Amino acid sequence: MMHMTIYWGKKVTLLVHWWKTRTWVSYILTLLVCFLFSAFYQYMEDRRLHFKASASNPPPIATPLLSKLGRARRVSPARLVTSLFFGVNLALGYLLMLAIMSCNGGVFLAIVLGLSFGYYLFRTRDD
């Protein structure tokens, strides 16, 4: 049965039909996976932003903005890797959103706490 409101309990179906928790042990392991997956999402976001910052070269100041309109864009490995990082991070984010849509309170808390912990570990040095 799919819940439409937040509920608290050990019986959860998460993301795929075979990922069902019936016991407290499987529920706790699922919450741990959600927590770690959320922290990994923050790690991947940190890596993507750092790679993008290190790969980008600032344009020369003397170059007018309109001079680039007539040129074709080059395919650079840095842009491809940045796009790959973005796609992986986007997929991770959507999977986390779908997991929260299970409407289980424990899954919600595990993901929010995992995102917060991952942000603390990997992203606070950016501030």
C-alpha atoms as a PDB file:
ATOM      1  CA  MET A   1       0.000   0.000   0.000  1.00  0.00           C
ATOM      2  CA  MET A   2       1.308   3.441  -0.889  1.00  0.00           C
ATOM      3  CA  HIS A   3       0.952   6.041   1.820  1.00  0.00           C
ATOM      4  CA  MET A   4      -0.030   9.605   0.989  1.00  0.00           C
ATOM      5  CA  THR A   5       0.896  11.045   4.374  1.00  0.00           C
ATOM      6  CA  ILE A   6       3.979  10.753   6.564  1.00  0.00           C
ATOM      7  CA  TYR A   7       3.862   7.532   8.536  1.00  0.00           C
ATOM      8  CA  TRP A   8       6.170   5.927  11.046  1.00  0.00           C
ATOM      9  CA  GLY A   9       6.805   2.232  10.828  1.00  0.00           C
ATOM     10  CA  LYS A  10       9.244  -0.456   9.808  1.00  0.00           C
ATOM     11  CA  LYS A  11       7.365  -1.591   6.687  1.00  0.00           C
ATOM     12  CA  VAL A  12       8.672   0.393   3.723  1.00  0.00           C
ATOM     13  CA  THR A  13       8.963  -0.248   0.006  1.00  0.00           C
ATOM     14  CA  LEU A  14      11.822   1.883  -1.264  1.00  0.00           C
ATOM     15  CA  LEU A  15      12.450   2.730  -4.941  1.00  0.00           C
ATOM     16  CA  VAL A  16      11.934  -0.789  -6.361  1.00  0.00           C
ATOM     17  CA  HIS A  17       9.380  -3.482  -5.595  1.00  0.00           C
ATOM     18  CA  TRP A  18      11.934  -5.909  -4.130  1.00  0.00           C
ATOM     19  CA  TRP A  19      13.399  -3.409  -1.619  1.00  0.00           C
ATOM     20  CA  LYS A  20      10.931  -4.019   1.183  1.00  0.00           C
ATOM     21  CA  THR A  21      11.603  -3.887   4.873  1.00  0.00           C
ATOM     22  CA  ARG A  22       9.699  -6.223   7.146  1.00  0.00           C
ATOM     23  CA  THR A  23      11.932  -6.398  10.228  1.00  0.00           C
ATOM     24  CA  TRP A  24      13.591  -3.761  12.360  1.00  0.00           C
ATOM     25  CA  VAL A  25      17.031  -4.928  11.208  1.00  0.00           C
ATOM     26  CA  SER A  26      16.188  -4.460   7.519  1.00  0.00           C
ATOM     27  CA  TYR A  27      14.563  -1.096   8.305  1.00  0.00           C
ATOM     28  CA  ILE A  28      17.629   0.168  10.206  1.00  0.00           C
ATOM     29  CA  LEU A  29      19.914  -1.015   7.372  1.00  0.00           C
ATOM     30  CA  THR A  30      17.705   0.796   4.852  1.00  0.00           C
ATOM     31  CA  LEU A  31      17.903   3.996   6.905  1.00  0.00           C
ATOM     32  CA  LEU A  32      21.687   3.632   7.069  1.00  0.00           C
ATOM     33  CA  VAL A  33      21.859   3.221   3.285  1.00  0.00           C
ATOM     34  CA  CYS A  34      19.676   6.326   2.835  1.00  0.00           C
ATOM     35  CA  PHE A  35      21.927   8.291   5.198  1.00  0.00           C
ATOM     36  CA  LEU A  36      25.142   7.222   3.439  1.00  0.00           C
ATOM     37  CA  PHE A  37      23.662   7.737  -0.033  1.00  0.00           C
ATOM     38  CA  SER A  38      22.658  11.283   0.970  1.00  0.00           C
ATOM     39  CA  ALA A  39      26.130  12.065   2.266  1.00  0.00           C
ATOM     40  CA  PHE A  40      27.593  10.635  -0.967  1.00  0.00           C
ATOM     41  CA  TYR A  41      25.337  12.999  -2.925  1.00  0.00           C
ATOM     42  CA  GLN A  42      26.937  15.957  -1.145  1.00  0.00           C
ATOM     43  CA  TYR A  43      30.397  14.526  -1.823  1.00  0.00           C
ATOM     44  CA  MET A  44      29.629  14.212  -5.537  1.00  0.00           C
ATOM     45  CA  GLU A  45      28.265  17.763  -5.630  1.00  0.00           C
ATOM     46  CA  ASP A  46      31.477  18.985  -3.996  1.00  0.00           C
ATOM     47  CA  ARG A  47      33.618  17.112  -6.528  1.00  0.00           C
ATOM     48  CA  ARG A  48      31.561  18.475  -9.426  1.00  0.00           C
ATOM     49  CA  LEU A  49      31.860  22.073  -8.252  1.00  0.00           C
ATOM     50  CA  HIS A  50      35.583  21.786  -7.572  1.00  0.00           C
ATOM     51  CA  PHE A  51      36.237  20.177 -10.934  1.00  0.00           C
ATOM     52  CA  LYS A  52      34.197  22.840 -12.687  1.00  0.00           C
ATOM     53  CA  ALA A  53      36.057  25.612 -10.867  1.00  0.00           C
ATOM     54  CA  SER A  54      39.475  24.135 -11.633  1.00  0.00           C
ATOM     55  CA  ALA A  55      38.648  23.399 -15.271  1.00  0.00           C
ATOM     56  CA  SER A  56      37.221  26.795 -16.168  1.00  0.00           C
ATOM     57  CA  ASN A  57      39.518  29.441 -17.494  1.00  0.00           C
ATOM     58  CA  PRO A  58      38.329  32.999 -16.972  1.00  0.00           C
ATOM     59  CA  PRO A  59      37.854  34.846 -20.260  1.00  0.00           C
ATOM     60  CA  PRO A  60      40.252  37.684 -21.010  1.00  0.00           C
ATOM     61  CA  ILE A  61      38.917  41.038 -19.924  1.00  0.00           C
ATOM     62  CA  ALA A  62      39.655  42.758 -23.243  1.00  0.00           C
ATOM     63  CA  THR A  63      37.497  40.292 -25.227  1.00  0.00           C
ATOM     64  CA  PRO A  64      34.121  41.738 -26.188  1.00  0.00           C
ATOM     65  CA  LEU A  65      31.091  39.624 -25.381  1.00  0.00           C
ATOM     66  CA  LEU A  66      29.795  39.572 -28.946  1.00  0.00           C
ATOM     67  CA  SER A  67      32.997  38.169 -30.455  1.00  0.00           C
ATOM     68  CA  LYS A  68      32.049  34.634 -29.407  1.00  0.00           C
ATOM     69  CA  LEU A  69      28.717  34.620 -31.250  1.00  0.00           C
ATOM     70  CA  GLY A  70      30.140  33.675 -34.635  1.00  0.00           C
ATOM     71  CA  ARG A  71      32.459  30.933 -33.366  1.00  0.00           C
ATOM     72  CA  ALA A  72      31.485  27.301 -33.001  1.00  0.00           C
ATOM     73  CA  ARG A  73      31.996  25.848 -29.528  1.00  0.00           C
ATOM     74  CA  ARG A  74      34.808  23.376 -29.140  1.00  0.00           C
ATOM     75  CA  VAL A  75      34.256  20.061 -27.435  1.00  0.00           C
ATOM     76  CA  SER A  76      36.600  19.981 -24.489  1.00  0.00           C
ATOM     77  CA  PRO A  77      37.223  17.039 -22.163  1.00  0.00           C
ATOM     78  CA  ALA A  78      36.666  19.281 -19.145  1.00  0.00           C
ATOM     79  CA  ARG A  79      33.168  20.215 -20.347  1.00  0.00           C
ATOM     80  CA  LEU A  80      32.350  16.563 -21.008  1.00  0.00           C
ATOM     81  CA  VAL A  81      33.514  15.485 -17.542  1.00  0.00           C
ATOM     82  CA  THR A  82      31.614  18.360 -15.925  1.00  0.00           C
ATOM     83  CA  SER A  83      28.479  17.289 -17.798  1.00  0.00           C
ATOM     84  CA  LEU A  84      29.013  13.688 -16.694  1.00  0.00           C
ATOM     85  CA  PHE A  85      29.371  14.776 -13.066  1.00  0.00           C
ATOM     86  CA  PHE A  86      26.214  16.860 -13.415  1.00  0.00           C
ATOM     87  CA  GLY A  87      24.258  13.910 -14.848  1.00  0.00           C
ATOM     88  CA  VAL A  88      25.375  11.531 -12.104  1.00  0.00           C
ATOM     89  CA  ASN A  89      24.553  14.087  -9.425  1.00  0.00           C
ATOM     90  CA  LEU A  90      21.180  14.773 -10.996  1.00  0.00           C
ATOM     91  CA  ALA A  91      20.350  11.054 -10.995  1.00  0.00           C
ATOM     92  CA  LEU A  92      21.394  10.733  -7.346  1.00  0.00           C
ATOM     93  CA  GLY A  93      19.252  13.708  -6.402  1.00  0.00           C
ATOM     94  CA  TYR A  94      16.182  12.311  -8.143  1.00  0.00           C
ATOM     95  CA  LEU A  95      16.664   8.921  -6.477  1.00  0.00           C
ATOM     96  CA  LEU A  96      16.794  10.655  -3.090  1.00  0.00           C
ATOM     97  CA  MET A  97      13.624  12.560  -3.943  1.00  0.00           C
ATOM     98  CA  LEU A  98      11.869   9.329  -4.918  1.00  0.00           C
ATOM     99  CA  ALA A  99      13.003   7.700  -1.676  1.00  0.00           C
ATOM    100  CA  ILE A 100      11.512  10.576   0.320  1.00  0.00           C
ATOM    101  CA  MET A 101       8.277  10.096  -1.619  1.00  0.00           C
ATOM    102  CA  SER A 102       7.875   6.759   0.163  1.00  0.00           C
ATOM    103  CA  CYS A 103       6.402   9.033   2.893  1.00  0.00           C
ATOM    104  CA  ASN A 104       8.149   7.155   5.688  1.00  0.00           C
ATOM    105  CA  GLY A 105       9.257   9.467   8.491  1.00  0.00           C
ATOM    106  CA  GLY A 106      12.429   7.502   9.205  1.00  0.00           C
ATOM    107  CA  VAL A 107      13.512   7.588   5.549  1.00  0.00           C
ATOM    108  CA  PHE A 108      12.809  11.321   5.443  1.00  0.00           C
ATOM    109  CA  LEU A 109      14.905  11.957   8.564  1.00  0.00           C
ATOM    110  CA  ALA A 110      17.734   9.690   7.386  1.00  0.00           C
ATOM    111  CA  ILE A 111      17.983  11.542   4.070  1.00  0.00           C
ATOM    112  CA  VAL A 112      17.783  15.021   5.587  1.00  0.00           C
ATOM    113  CA  LEU A 113      20.347  14.139   8.257  1.00  0.00           C
ATOM    114  CA  GLY A 114      22.582  12.485   5.641  1.00  0.00           C
ATOM    115  CA  LEU A 115      22.437  15.572   3.416  1.00  0.00           C
ATOM    116  CA  SER A 116      23.213  17.800   6.401  1.00  0.00           C
ATOM    117  CA  PHE A 117      26.085  15.602   7.558  1.00  0.00           C
ATOM    118  CA  GLY A 118      27.487  15.403   4.016  1.00  0.00           C
ATOM    119  CA  TYR A 119      27.230  19.159   3.656  1.00  0.00           C
ATOM    120  CA  TYR A 120      29.091  19.579   6.953  1.00  0.00           C
ATOM    121  CA  LEU A 121      31.835  17.158   5.882  1.00  0.00           C
ATOM    122  CA  PHE A 122      32.335  18.167   2.281  1.00  0.00           C
ATOM    123  CA  ARG A 123      30.816  21.550   1.547  1.00  0.00           C
ATOM    124  CA  THR A 124      31.275  23.867   4.550  1.00  0.00           C
ATOM    125  CA  ARG A 125      34.805  24.753   3.516  1.00  0.00           C
ATOM    126  CA  ASP A 126      33.252  26.485   0.454  1.00  0.00           C
ATOM    127  CA  ASP A 127      31.515  29.060   2.655  1.00  0.00           C
END
